[in-house]
Amino acid sequence: MYKPPGAGVGTAGGSVGTLATTGADLGWWLAAGVTLIALGVIAMIAVHQRNRKLHREVS
C-alpha cells in the first residue's frame, strides 16, 4: 500500500502536514480551490440563463 512521505511522522494536522512535507504550498491549493469554485459559479450561471431562454421560447 502507498504511504505518502511524512505520513508516519506524527505531524499535527494529519493531511495538512503530509501536504507540507510533499512540497505543496498552501497558496497553490487556495488558487486551485478558488479556480474550481469560479468555474462552478460560471457553469451554474450559464445553465440558468440557458434554461430561462429555453423556457421563454416554449411559452
N, C-alpha and C. Protein backbone atom coordinates (compact mmCIF):
# COMPACT_ATOMS: atom_id res chain seq x y z
N MET A 1 0.85 -1.19 0.00
CA MET A 1 0.00 0.00 0.00
C MET A 1 0.89 1.24 0.00
N TYR A 2 0.46 2.27 -0.71
CA TYR A 2 1.25 3.51 -0.82
C TYR A 2 1.20 4.29 0.48
N LYS A 3 2.34 4.71 0.92
CA LYS A 3 2.42 5.55 2.13
C LYS A 3 3.08 6.87 1.73
N PRO A 4 2.31 7.98 1.79
CA PRO A 4 2.89 9.27 1.39
C PRO A 4 4.02 9.69 2.31
N PRO A 5 4.97 10.45 1.81
CA PRO A 5 6.09 10.90 2.64
C PRO A 5 5.61 11.69 3.85
N GLY A 6 6.15 11.39 5.01
CA GLY A 6 5.81 12.12 6.22
C GLY A 6 4.53 11.65 6.88
N ALA A 7 3.90 10.58 6.38
CA ALA A 7 2.63 10.13 6.94
C ALA A 7 2.81 9.58 8.35
N GLY A 8 3.94 8.96 8.64
CA GLY A 8 4.14 8.35 9.95
C GLY A 8 4.93 9.22 10.90
N VAL A 9 5.15 10.47 10.57
CA VAL A 9 5.99 11.33 11.40
C VAL A 9 5.24 11.82 12.62
N GLY A 10 3.91 11.87 12.57
CA GLY A 10 3.12 12.35 13.70
C GLY A 10 2.98 13.87 13.70
N THR A 11 2.92 14.44 12.53
CA THR A 11 2.78 15.90 12.44
C THR A 11 1.36 16.31 12.82
N ALA A 12 1.24 17.46 13.42
CA ALA A 12 -0.08 17.98 13.78
C ALA A 12 -0.85 18.35 12.53
N GLY A 13 -2.11 18.00 12.48
CA GLY A 13 -2.94 18.36 11.34
C GLY A 13 -3.12 17.22 10.35
N GLY A 14 -2.40 16.14 10.50
CA GLY A 14 -2.60 14.97 9.64
C GLY A 14 -2.32 15.25 8.19
N SER A 15 -3.37 15.36 7.38
CA SER A 15 -3.19 15.51 5.94
C SER A 15 -2.51 16.83 5.58
N VAL A 16 -2.73 17.87 6.37
CA VAL A 16 -2.07 19.14 6.10
C VAL A 16 -0.57 18.99 6.25
N GLY A 17 -0.15 18.26 7.26
CA GLY A 17 1.28 18.00 7.45
C GLY A 17 1.86 17.20 6.31
N THR A 18 1.09 16.23 5.81
CA THR A 18 1.54 15.42 4.68
C THR A 18 1.69 16.28 3.44
N LEU A 19 0.74 17.19 3.21
CA LEU A 19 0.85 18.09 2.07
C LEU A 19 2.08 18.96 2.19
N ALA A 20 2.35 19.45 3.40
CA ALA A 20 3.50 20.32 3.59
C ALA A 20 4.81 19.57 3.34
N THR A 21 4.87 18.31 3.74
CA THR A 21 6.11 17.56 3.56
C THR A 21 6.34 17.17 2.10
N THR A 22 5.28 17.14 1.29
CA THR A 22 5.47 16.80 -0.12
C THR A 22 5.83 18.04 -0.93
N GLY A 23 5.88 19.19 -0.33
CA GLY A 23 6.29 20.39 -1.03
C GLY A 23 5.14 21.20 -1.61
N ALA A 24 3.90 20.77 -1.39
CA ALA A 24 2.75 21.51 -1.91
C ALA A 24 2.47 22.66 -0.95
N ASP A 25 2.57 23.89 -1.44
CA ASP A 25 2.33 25.02 -0.56
C ASP A 25 0.86 25.39 -0.53
N LEU A 26 0.46 26.08 0.51
CA LEU A 26 -0.93 26.43 0.73
C LEU A 26 -1.48 27.34 -0.36
N GLY A 27 -0.65 28.23 -0.88
CA GLY A 27 -1.10 29.14 -1.93
C GLY A 27 -1.58 28.42 -3.18
N TRP A 28 -0.89 27.34 -3.55
CA TRP A 28 -1.30 26.57 -4.73
C TRP A 28 -2.67 25.94 -4.50
N TRP A 29 -2.89 25.38 -3.34
CA TRP A 29 -4.18 24.74 -3.05
C TRP A 29 -5.29 25.78 -2.99
N LEU A 30 -5.01 26.95 -2.44
CA LEU A 30 -6.02 28.01 -2.41
C LEU A 30 -6.38 28.48 -3.82
N ALA A 31 -5.36 28.64 -4.67
CA ALA A 31 -5.61 29.06 -6.06
C ALA A 31 -6.43 28.01 -6.79
N ALA A 32 -6.12 26.75 -6.59
CA ALA A 32 -6.88 25.68 -7.25
C ALA A 32 -8.33 25.67 -6.76
N GLY A 33 -8.54 25.86 -5.47
CA GLY A 33 -9.89 25.88 -4.92
C GLY A 33 -10.71 27.05 -5.43
N VAL A 34 -10.11 28.23 -5.46
CA VAL A 34 -10.81 29.41 -5.95
C VAL A 34 -11.16 29.24 -7.43
N THR A 35 -10.24 28.68 -8.21
CA THR A 35 -10.49 28.45 -9.63
C THR A 35 -11.66 27.48 -9.83
N LEU A 36 -11.68 26.40 -9.07
CA LEU A 36 -12.78 25.43 -9.20
C LEU A 36 -14.12 26.05 -8.80
N ILE A 37 -14.12 26.84 -7.75
CA ILE A 37 -15.36 27.49 -7.32
C ILE A 37 -15.84 28.46 -8.39
N ALA A 38 -14.91 29.25 -8.96
CA ALA A 38 -15.28 30.20 -10.01
C ALA A 38 -15.84 29.48 -11.23
N LEU A 39 -15.22 28.38 -11.64
CA LEU A 39 -15.74 27.62 -12.78
C LEU A 39 -17.13 27.06 -12.50
N GLY A 40 -17.36 26.62 -11.28
CA GLY A 40 -18.68 26.12 -10.91
C GLY A 40 -19.74 27.20 -10.95
N VAL A 41 -19.39 28.39 -10.47
CA VAL A 41 -20.35 29.51 -10.49
C VAL A 41 -20.66 29.91 -11.93
N ILE A 42 -19.62 29.98 -12.78
CA ILE A 42 -19.83 30.33 -14.19
C ILE A 42 -20.72 29.30 -14.87
N ALA A 43 -20.48 28.01 -14.59
CA ALA A 43 -21.31 26.96 -15.19
C ALA A 43 -22.76 27.07 -14.73
N MET A 44 -22.97 27.35 -13.45
CA MET A 44 -24.35 27.47 -12.94
C MET A 44 -25.06 28.66 -13.58
N ILE A 45 -24.37 29.79 -13.73
CA ILE A 45 -24.98 30.95 -14.36
C ILE A 45 -25.33 30.65 -15.82
N ALA A 46 -24.43 29.98 -16.53
CA ALA A 46 -24.68 29.64 -17.93
C ALA A 46 -25.88 28.72 -18.07
N VAL A 47 -25.99 27.72 -17.22
CA VAL A 47 -27.13 26.79 -17.28
C VAL A 47 -28.42 27.53 -16.94
N HIS A 48 -28.38 28.41 -15.96
CA HIS A 48 -29.57 29.17 -15.57
C HIS A 48 -30.06 30.06 -16.72
N GLN A 49 -29.13 30.73 -17.37
CA GLN A 49 -29.50 31.60 -18.50
C GLN A 49 -30.06 30.77 -19.66
N ARG A 50 -29.45 29.62 -19.91
CA ARG A 50 -29.93 28.76 -21.00
C ARG A 50 -31.34 28.26 -20.70
N ASN A 51 -31.58 27.88 -19.46
CA ASN A 51 -32.91 27.39 -19.09
C ASN A 51 -33.96 28.50 -19.20
N ARG A 52 -33.60 29.73 -18.81
CA ARG A 52 -34.54 30.84 -18.94
C ARG A 52 -34.86 31.10 -20.40
N LYS A 53 -33.85 31.06 -21.25
CA LYS A 53 -34.04 31.30 -22.68
C LYS A 53 -34.93 30.21 -23.29
N LEU A 54 -34.66 28.96 -22.94
CA LEU A 54 -35.49 27.86 -23.47
C LEU A 54 -36.92 27.96 -22.98
N HIS A 55 -37.11 28.36 -21.75
CA HIS A 55 -38.45 28.49 -21.19
C HIS A 55 -39.24 29.58 -21.90
N ARG A 56 -38.58 30.70 -22.25
CA ARG A 56 -39.24 31.79 -22.96
C ARG A 56 -39.66 31.35 -24.36
N GLU A 57 -38.84 30.54 -25.02
CA GLU A 57 -39.16 30.09 -26.38
C GLU A 57 -40.35 29.15 -26.39
N VAL A 58 -40.49 28.35 -25.34
CA VAL A 58 -41.57 27.38 -25.26
C VAL A 58 -42.88 28.07 -24.93
N SER A 59 -42.85 29.07 -24.06
CA SER A 59 -44.07 29.75 -23.61
C SER A 59 -44.71 30.57 -24.70
